[in-house]
Protein backbone atom coordinates (compact mmCIF):
# COMPACT_ATOMS: atom_id res chain seq x y z
CA MET A 1 -13.37 9.17 -11.39
CA PRO A 2 -11.43 6.13 -13.03
CA ARG A 3 -10.78 2.96 -11.85
CA LEU A 4 -7.11 2.53 -10.42
CA SER A 5 -7.34 -0.59 -8.57
CA ASP A 6 -9.61 -3.86 -8.59
CA SER A 7 -10.66 -3.07 -5.23
CA MET A 8 -11.30 0.79 -5.74
CA GLU A 9 -14.88 2.63 -5.02
CA GLU A 10 -14.08 6.03 -4.57
CA GLY A 11 -11.01 8.38 -4.85
CA THR A 12 -9.60 11.56 -3.47
CA ILE A 13 -8.53 14.26 -5.72
CA LEU A 14 -5.02 15.52 -4.36
CA THR A 15 -3.45 17.37 -6.97
CA TRP A 16 -4.42 18.73 -10.43
CA LEU A 17 -1.40 18.72 -12.69
CA LYS A 18 -2.99 20.49 -15.58
CA GLN A 19 -5.28 23.81 -15.14
CA VAL A 20 -8.36 25.01 -17.00
CA GLY A 21 -7.22 25.77 -20.32
CA GLU A 22 -4.39 23.73 -21.05
CA GLU A 23 -3.73 21.62 -23.88
CA VAL A 24 -3.87 17.80 -22.99
CA ALA A 25 -2.65 15.13 -24.89
CA ILE A 26 -3.02 11.32 -24.38
CA GLY A 27 -0.85 9.98 -21.72
CA ASP A 28 -0.39 13.26 -20.05
CA GLU A 29 -0.33 13.31 -16.01
CA LEU A 30 -3.72 14.84 -15.36
CA VAL A 31 -4.47 14.52 -11.70
CA GLU A 32 -3.02 12.96 -8.66
CA ILE A 33 -5.25 10.61 -7.03
CA GLU A 34 -5.45 9.30 -3.39
CA THR A 35 -6.83 5.40 -4.04
CA ASP A 36 -7.41 2.76 -1.52
CA LYS A 37 -3.96 1.06 -2.54
CA ALA A 38 -1.73 4.14 -3.47
CA ASN A 39 -1.49 7.61 -4.79
CA MET A 40 -0.94 7.63 -8.52
CA ALA A 41 -1.05 10.27 -11.11
CA TYR A 42 -3.70 9.74 -13.83
CA GLU A 43 -2.85 9.82 -17.20
CA ALA A 44 -5.25 11.32 -19.65
CA ASP A 45 -6.51 9.04 -22.19
CA VAL A 46 -8.40 12.03 -24.03
CA ALA A 47 -6.78 14.77 -25.56
CA GLY A 48 -7.95 18.50 -26.25
CA THR A 49 -8.40 21.32 -23.95
CA LEU A 50 -9.16 20.93 -20.23
CA THR A 51 -12.20 23.21 -20.19
CA GLU A 52 -13.42 22.69 -16.56
CA ILE A 53 -12.58 21.07 -13.61
CA LEU A 54 -15.58 19.50 -11.69
CA ALA A 55 -13.44 17.97 -8.77
CA GLN A 56 -11.65 20.15 -6.39
CA GLU A 57 -8.26 19.17 -4.40
CA GLY A 58 -9.57 17.30 -1.55
CA ASP A 59 -12.91 15.91 -2.63
CA THR A 60 -13.70 12.68 -2.45
CA LEU A 61 -15.73 10.83 -5.26
CA ALA A 62 -17.27 7.88 -6.25
CA ILE A 63 -16.16 5.44 -9.39
CA GLY A 64 -17.54 6.99 -12.56
CA GLU A 65 -18.67 10.15 -11.19
CA PRO A 66 -17.00 13.18 -13.44
CA ILE A 67 -14.19 15.01 -12.30
CA ALA A 68 -12.99 17.12 -15.35
CA VAL A 69 -14.05 17.80 -18.88
CA VAL A 70 -11.55 17.54 -21.84
CA GLY A 71 -12.38 18.76 -25.07
CA ASP A 72 -11.45 21.05 -28.01
CA ALA A 73 -13.08 24.35 -28.73
CA ASN A 74 -16.25 22.44 -29.82
CA GLY A 75 -16.63 20.37 -27.01
CA ALA A 76 -15.35 17.10 -28.67
CA GLY A 77 -12.74 15.09 -26.91
CA ALA A 78 -10.65 12.54 -28.74
CA PRO A 79 -10.45 9.18 -26.84
CA ALA A 80 -7.61 6.86 -27.18
CA PRO A 81 -8.08 4.04 -29.80
CA GLU A 82 -9.90 0.90 -28.11
CA GLU A 83 -10.48 2.45 -24.38
CA ALA A 84 -13.22 4.23 -23.27
CA PRO A 85 -12.21 7.63 -21.39
CA ALA A 86 -12.12 7.49 -17.65
CA ILE A 87 -12.66 11.26 -17.02
CA ALA A 88 -15.75 12.89 -18.09
CA GLU A 89 -16.08 14.25 -22.14
CA ALA A 90 -17.60 17.12 -22.97
CA PRO A 91 -20.71 16.16 -24.95
CA ALA A 92 -21.20 16.82 -28.61
CA ALA A 93 -24.13 19.04 -27.88
CA PRO A 94 -23.10 20.52 -24.34
CA GLU A 95 -25.86 20.60 -21.59
CA THR A 96 -25.78 23.27 -18.83
CA PRO A 97 -24.23 21.75 -15.97
CA ALA A 98 -26.27 21.89 -12.46
CA PRO A 99 -25.25 24.40 -10.35
CA ALA A 100 -22.85 23.25 -7.42
CA GLU A 101 -24.33 22.51 -4.19
CA PRO A 102 -23.96 25.70 -2.09
CA ARG A 103 -21.68 25.76 0.31
CA PRO A 104 -21.48 27.49 3.78
CA ALA A 105 -20.66 31.37 3.38
CA ASP A 106 -18.69 31.53 6.31
CA GLY A 107 -16.41 28.55 5.64
CA PRO A 108 -13.57 27.18 2.78
CA LYS A 109 -15.08 24.76 0.38
CA SER A 110 -14.08 21.59 0.49
CA GLY A 111 -11.76 21.52 -2.28
CA ASP A 112 -10.02 24.73 -0.91
CA ILE A 113 -6.83 24.48 0.26
CA GLY A 114 -6.07 27.86 1.31
CA THR A 115 -2.27 28.65 1.77
CA VAL A 116 -1.68 24.80 0.76
CA SER A 117 0.37 24.92 -2.70
CA ALA A 118 0.79 21.82 -4.93
CA HIS A 119 3.79 23.13 -6.63
CA ARG A 120 6.80 24.84 -5.47
CA ALA A 121 7.99 28.04 -7.26
CA ASP A 122 10.04 26.22 -9.91
CA GLY A 123 6.99 24.42 -10.66
CA ALA A 124 8.18 21.11 -9.39
CA ARG A 125 5.32 18.97 -7.42
CA VAL A 126 5.47 18.77 -3.93
CA LYS A 127 5.79 15.23 -2.60
CA ALA A 128 3.53 14.58 0.13
CA SER A 129 1.45 11.76 2.08
CA PRO A 130 -2.13 11.91 1.99
CA VAL A 131 -2.21 12.42 6.08
CA ALA A 132 0.37 15.15 5.52
CA ARG A 133 -1.83 16.78 2.70
CA ARG A 134 -4.87 16.76 4.73
CA LEU A 135 -3.38 17.85 8.22
CA ALA A 136 -1.65 20.82 6.06
CA LYS A 137 -5.36 21.78 4.60
CA GLU A 138 -6.80 21.87 7.88
CA ARG A 139 -4.07 24.08 9.65
CA GLY A 140 -3.50 26.24 6.52
CA ILE A 141 0.22 25.38 6.38
CA ASP A 142 1.95 25.91 3.05
CA LEU A 143 3.52 22.69 1.92
CA THR A 144 6.12 24.30 -0.36
CA THR A 145 7.70 26.02 2.43
CA LEU A 146 8.20 22.48 4.42
CA THR A 147 11.10 20.09 4.13
CA GLY A 148 10.00 16.33 4.04
CA SER A 149 11.75 14.11 6.50
CA GLY A 150 10.29 11.23 4.78
CA PRO A 151 11.94 8.70 2.43
CA GLY A 152 13.05 10.84 -0.78
CA GLY A 153 12.38 14.18 0.94
CA ARG A 154 8.43 13.34 1.13
CA ILE A 155 6.60 15.53 3.54
CA VAL A 156 5.28 13.43 6.50
CA LYS A 157 2.48 13.98 8.83
CA LYS A 158 5.36 15.07 11.43
CA ASP A 159 6.78 17.64 9.50
CA VAL A 160 2.96 19.28 9.15
CA LYS A 161 2.45 18.88 12.80
CA ASN A 162 6.09 20.59 13.87
CA ALA A 163 5.26 23.46 10.99
CA ALA A 164 1.95 24.22 12.77
CA GLN A 165 3.54 24.30 16.43
CA ASP A 166 5.95 26.44 15.32
CA ALA A 167 3.62 28.44 13.52
CA SER A 168 0.99 28.76 16.07
CA PRO A 169 2.09 28.36 19.58
CA ALA A 170 -1.23 29.12 20.97
CA ALA A 171 -3.20 26.55 19.52
CA ALA A 172 -1.77 24.19 22.12
CA ALA A 173 -3.55 26.52 24.79
CA PRO A 174 -6.29 24.72 26.37
CA PRO A 175 -9.78 25.34 25.05
CA ALA A 176 -12.08 28.22 26.90
CA ALA A 177 -14.83 27.26 28.54
CA ASP A 178 -18.36 27.35 26.83
CA ALA A 179 -21.31 29.74 27.54
CA ALA A 180 -22.52 27.38 30.15
CA GLY A 181 -19.42 27.56 32.10
CA GLY A 182 -17.97 24.11 31.33
CA ALA A 183 -15.17 23.30 29.37
CA ALA A 184 -15.07 22.82 25.48
CA SER A 185 -12.68 19.76 26.02
CA ALA A 186 -11.18 18.56 29.26
CA GLU A 187 -8.50 15.90 30.41
CA THR A 188 -9.73 12.35 31.39
CA ALA A 189 -7.95 9.77 33.07
CA LYS A 190 -6.66 8.97 29.73
CA GLY A 191 -5.20 12.30 29.16
CA GLU A 192 -5.72 14.45 26.40
CA THR A 193 -7.39 13.17 23.26
CA THR A 194 -6.19 13.56 19.93
CA VAL A 195 -8.31 12.42 16.78
CA GLU A 196 -6.40 11.58 13.75
CA GLU A 197 -8.49 10.93 10.67
CA LEU A 198 -7.43 7.72 8.47
CA SER A 199 -6.37 8.26 5.02
CA LYS A 200 -7.87 6.03 2.23
CA LEU A 201 -5.27 3.33 2.60
CA GLN A 202 -5.77 3.24 6.23
CA GLU A 203 -9.58 2.74 5.86
CA VAL A 204 -9.33 0.20 3.41
CA ILE A 205 -6.65 -1.69 5.71
CA ALA A 206 -8.93 -1.67 8.65
CA ARG A 207 -12.08 -2.80 6.63
CA ARG A 208 -10.18 -5.44 5.14
CA MET A 209 -8.33 -7.02 8.01
CA ALA A 210 -11.95 -6.60 9.88
CA GLU A 211 -13.67 -8.46 7.10
CA SER A 212 -11.00 -11.27 7.25
CA LYS A 213 -11.12 -11.85 11.06
CA ALA A 214 -14.88 -11.79 10.80
CA THR A 215 -15.54 -14.00 7.69
CA ALA A 216 -12.15 -16.15 7.10
CA PRO A 217 -11.91 -19.00 9.83
CA HIS A 218 -8.44 -18.61 10.66
CA PHE A 219 -6.23 -21.37 12.00
CA TYR A 220 -2.71 -21.52 12.76
CA LEU A 221 0.33 -24.06 12.06
CA GLU A 222 3.61 -23.67 13.42
CA ALA A 223 7.01 -24.76 12.74
CA THR A 224 10.48 -24.43 13.28
CA VAL A 225 12.96 -23.96 10.29
CA ASP A 226 16.57 -25.08 10.80
CA MET A 227 18.52 -22.32 8.53
CA SER A 228 21.90 -23.18 9.17
CA ALA A 229 22.60 -24.29 5.86
CA ALA A 230 21.04 -21.01 4.44
CA VAL A 231 22.92 -18.82 6.43
CA GLU A 232 26.11 -20.70 5.34
CA GLY A 233 24.82 -20.47 1.74
CA ARG A 234 23.92 -16.83 1.76
CA ALA A 235 27.37 -16.13 3.40
CA ARG A 236 29.33 -18.20 0.58
CA LEU A 237 26.98 -16.22 -1.84
CA LYS A 238 27.62 -12.50 -0.36
CA ALA A 239 31.43 -13.34 -0.69
CA ALA A 240 30.97 -14.17 -4.38
CA THR A 241 28.78 -11.65 -5.68
CA PRO A 242 30.35 -8.79 -7.26
CA GLU A 243 30.21 -5.48 -5.80
CA GLY A 244 26.79 -3.09 -6.68
CA GLN A 245 24.86 -6.58 -7.12
CA VAL A 246 21.88 -7.15 -4.97
CA VAL A 247 22.72 -10.36 -2.47
CA PRO A 248 19.70 -12.13 -1.84
CA SER A 249 18.36 -12.17 1.47
CA PHE A 250 16.95 -14.60 3.97
CA ASN A 251 13.37 -13.26 2.91
CA ASP A 252 14.01 -13.73 -0.81
CA MET A 253 14.84 -17.45 -0.05
CA VAL A 254 11.17 -17.86 2.01
CA VAL A 255 9.34 -16.13 -0.95
CA LYS A 256 11.09 -18.48 -3.36
CA ALA A 257 10.38 -21.76 -1.15
CA CYS A 258 6.60 -20.78 -0.71
CA ALA A 259 6.67 -20.25 -4.73
CA LEU A 260 7.95 -23.43 -4.81
CA ALA A 261 5.64 -25.11 -2.52
CA LEU A 262 2.46 -23.20 -3.96
CA LYS A 263 2.96 -25.13 -7.49
CA GLU A 264 2.40 -28.61 -5.63
CA PHE A 265 -0.61 -27.25 -3.58
CA PRO A 266 -2.65 -25.58 -5.89
CA ARG A 267 -5.44 -24.87 -2.85
CA ALA A 268 -2.95 -22.84 -0.80
CA ASN A 269 -2.55 -20.81 -4.14
CA GLY A 270 -6.22 -20.27 -4.26
CA ALA A 271 -8.96 -18.25 -2.94
CA TYR A 272 -12.71 -19.12 -1.39
CA ARG A 273 -15.06 -17.17 -3.40
CA ASP A 274 -19.04 -17.28 -3.08
CA GLY A 275 -19.18 -21.14 -2.19
CA ARG A 276 -16.54 -21.81 -4.72
CA PHE A 277 -12.76 -22.73 -5.00
CA GLU A 278 -10.30 -20.48 -7.15
CA LEU A 279 -7.28 -21.74 -7.97
CA TYR A 280 -4.70 -19.66 -9.80
CA SER A 281 -2.53 -20.57 -12.81
CA ARG A 282 0.17 -17.87 -11.66
CA VAL A 283 2.33 -17.71 -8.35
CA ASN A 284 2.32 -14.05 -7.13
CA VAL A 285 3.74 -13.87 -3.96
CA GLY A 286 2.68 -10.53 -1.99
CA VAL A 287 5.58 -9.37 0.46
CA ALA A 288 4.17 -6.85 3.33
CA VAL A 289 6.14 -3.79 3.48
CA ALA A 290 5.44 -1.24 6.29
CA ALA A 291 5.07 2.12 4.88
CA GLN A 292 4.26 5.86 6.32
CA ASP A 293 1.22 5.20 8.51
CA ALA A 294 0.49 1.95 6.81
CA LEU A 295 1.01 -1.54 5.81
CA VAL A 296 1.53 -2.21 1.98
CA VAL A 297 1.61 -5.57 0.22
CA PRO A 298 3.40 -5.37 -3.17
CA THR A 299 3.40 -8.24 -5.68
CA VAL A 300 6.50 -10.61 -6.93
CA PHE A 301 4.90 -11.86 -10.06
CA ASP A 302 5.53 -15.56 -11.34
CA ALA A 303 8.07 -16.19 -8.22
CA ASP A 304 7.96 -19.75 -9.15
CA LYS A 305 9.76 -19.10 -12.22
CA LYS A 306 12.14 -16.64 -11.20
CA GLY A 307 15.97 -17.04 -9.57
CA LEU A 308 16.59 -16.00 -6.10
CA SER A 309 18.63 -12.76 -7.66
CA GLN A 310 15.81 -11.69 -9.89
CA ILE A 311 13.20 -12.06 -6.81
CA ALA A 312 15.62 -9.77 -4.58
CA GLU A 313 15.49 -7.01 -7.34
CA ASP A 314 12.04 -7.18 -7.76
CA ALA A 315 11.01 -7.41 -4.44
CA ARG A 316 13.47 -4.39 -3.41
CA ALA A 317 12.15 -2.16 -6.35
CA VAL A 318 8.84 -2.46 -5.21
CA ALA A 319 9.56 -2.36 -1.53
CA ALA A 320 11.31 1.11 -2.44
CA LYS A 321 8.64 2.54 -4.26
CA VAL A 322 6.45 1.69 -1.51
CA ARG A 323 8.39 3.55 0.52
CA ASP A 324 8.55 6.58 -1.36
CA GLY A 325 5.19 6.48 -2.38
CA SER A 326 5.34 5.72 -6.11
CA VAL A 327 4.15 2.29 -6.34
CA THR A 328 1.10 1.83 -8.46
CA PRO A 329 -2.19 -0.31 -8.10
CA PRO A 330 -0.57 -3.01 -10.48
CA GLU A 331 1.99 -3.51 -8.29
CA LEU A 332 -0.41 -3.73 -5.94
CA SER A 333 -2.94 -6.30 -7.25
CA GLY A 334 -2.68 -10.09 -8.06
CA GLY A 335 -1.08 -11.70 -4.97
CA THR A 336 -2.22 -15.06 -4.55
CA PHE A 337 -0.36 -15.46 -1.73
CA THR A 338 1.59 -13.39 1.19
CA VAL A 339 4.67 -13.45 3.31
CA SER A 340 4.87 -11.03 6.66
CA ASN A 341 8.46 -10.76 7.65
CA LEU A 342 9.21 -9.10 11.29
CA GLY A 343 12.19 -10.93 12.27
CA MET A 344 14.28 -7.89 11.69
CA TYR A 345 12.38 -6.26 14.64
CA GLY A 346 13.82 -9.39 16.84
CA ILE A 347 10.34 -11.00 16.69
CA ARG A 348 10.44 -14.40 16.87
CA ASN A 349 6.81 -15.39 16.03
CA PHE A 350 3.59 -14.08 15.33
CA GLY A 351 0.32 -14.93 13.94
CA ALA A 352 -0.72 -12.57 10.89
CA VAL A 353 -4.10 -12.04 9.44
CA ILE A 354 -4.91 -13.31 6.11
CA ASN A 355 -4.85 -10.97 3.21
CA PRO A 356 -8.57 -11.87 1.68
CA PRO A 357 -9.32 -13.61 -0.64
CA GLN A 358 -5.90 -15.38 0.02
CA ALA A 359 -6.00 -18.52 1.37
CA ALA A 360 -3.40 -18.19 3.58
CA ILE A 361 -0.10 -15.84 4.64
CA LEU A 362 3.31 -16.96 6.09
CA ALA A 363 4.31 -15.03 9.38
CA VAL A 364 8.27 -15.02 9.28
CA GLY A 365 10.18 -14.39 12.66
CA ALA A 366 14.13 -13.85 13.40
CA ILE A 367 16.61 -16.34 12.87
CA GLU A 368 18.42 -16.91 15.70
CA GLU A 369 21.27 -19.09 17.55
CA ARG A 370 19.53 -21.74 19.92
CA PRO A 371 20.67 -25.05 21.19
CA VAL A 372 18.95 -28.10 19.45
CA ALA A 373 19.82 -31.95 20.17
CA ARG A 374 21.67 -33.74 17.05
CA ASP A 375 22.58 -37.23 17.27
CA GLY A 376 22.35 -37.62 21.22
CA SER A 377 24.44 -34.56 21.89
CA LEU A 378 24.10 -30.82 22.26
CA ALA A 379 24.74 -28.28 18.92
CA ILE A 380 23.96 -24.92 17.92
CA ALA A 381 21.89 -24.24 14.99
CA GLN A 382 20.30 -21.27 13.42
CA LEU A 383 16.59 -21.70 13.80
CA MET A 384 13.59 -19.46 12.37
CA ASP A 385 10.02 -19.96 13.32
CA VAL A 386 7.03 -19.60 10.90
CA THR A 387 3.48 -19.34 11.39
CA LEU A 388 1.08 -19.88 8.54
CA ALA A 389 -2.31 -18.89 9.07
CA CYS A 390 -5.15 -20.64 6.95
CA ASP A 391 -8.54 -19.86 5.62
CA HIS A 392 -10.29 -23.15 7.00
CA ARG A 393 -12.76 -23.19 4.14
CA ILE A 394 -10.35 -23.74 1.37
CA LEU A 395 -6.88 -24.92 3.00
CA TYR A 396 -7.49 -27.90 5.52
CA GLY A 397 -5.26 -29.33 8.44
CA ALA A 398 -3.68 -31.91 6.86
CA ASP A 399 -3.04 -30.11 3.33
CA ALA A 400 -1.94 -27.33 5.04
CA ALA A 401 0.78 -29.07 7.57
CA GLU A 402 2.04 -30.93 4.29
CA PHE A 403 2.34 -27.58 2.65
CA LEU A 404 4.26 -26.24 5.63
CA ALA A 405 6.49 -28.96 5.66
CA ARG A 406 7.44 -28.69 2.09
CA ILE A 407 8.54 -24.86 2.68
CA ARG A 408 10.15 -25.89 5.43
CA ALA A 409 12.26 -28.64 3.76
CA LEU A 410 13.09 -26.37 0.56
CA LEU A 411 14.61 -23.87 3.26
CA GLU A 412 16.52 -26.35 5.18
CA GLU A 413 17.99 -27.37 1.75
CA PRO A 414 18.64 -24.26 -0.16
CA LEU A 415 20.29 -25.88 -2.97
CA SER A 416 16.80 -26.52 -3.93
CA LEU A 417 15.86 -22.77 -4.20
CA ALA A 418 18.56 -22.14 -6.75
CA LEU A 419 17.38 -24.45 -9.50
């Protein structure tokens, strides 16, 4: 099992893209793996014949466990130059493999997918979320017969559930009574309980958020930003932008303002690790994106050095990859700060959880017309509330307040973001 992200500890085999007996070249897509950050096709770094598949679809293995044997007729693989193979090579003097652990005779193997198919009749690979694949395997649903309702035609959990209900209406019947005369399961005051297994990504999110709240002493600073000039500036920018080109959003402006401020406040662009401060030279801003049943944070790298248009293009590109499931672990790694925006849902303000081990995260609310007092008279302004969550071990109150004030100043004078 290869390590496909810095935080990956284990991976789940989703689909083998090569079969036993097929030739494998360096760079060929060999297997699709579900990691803690994304699903991705692993490209082989050895060449030869796929002689044996050791990990079946659905199996979860720790990093370093063998998943397949690739080698030529003599059992020798051809590793890529200067790179150690991440899958198991056939040894020069093959040993007899240890017998597989016996499985119950009356049940399928953990890797069996029953009637679930990974490819359609024309050889095209089925696009499905990990949760949908797992649910289809459990219920014996053939993925090739389904039409996905997710982004890009991706099959999601809802599609599999609907297919299961259509195929087996009796499945919703109440459970039969057990031998003692009691019901195998019964409704409680909460109603009928449905248990959903977490995907690898959801497990990691749950663990990391719990660790963040348990280990990082959060404190929060709130500010209100007058976005009136930014609203006017974006309207002019939109009118002047040729059709088909990306118009920077207000969130892109926030990302740029944060990036510029992070250069001035190194600790905000750092992390607390093992009793030391880590300060990073690159400013990589993560942008929280709602994915299918999960929250994913792709990265805009070197945001301080990029113009608004480039930030807009990069942010949209990685967000689209998140939603269609094609984002790669490198695009989800390396973030030094995070922006989470719920303003599009009408949320005025909220407190976000720090993405460990980062020092802070900025929660961004909606831009609203509100009355303000200016020069002794009442006026209407476009206001936006922001909340900075800080790790008090590295970012102290005064420094955090100055950092947030700098972000506000940059957003209230949007011409500075174009420089």
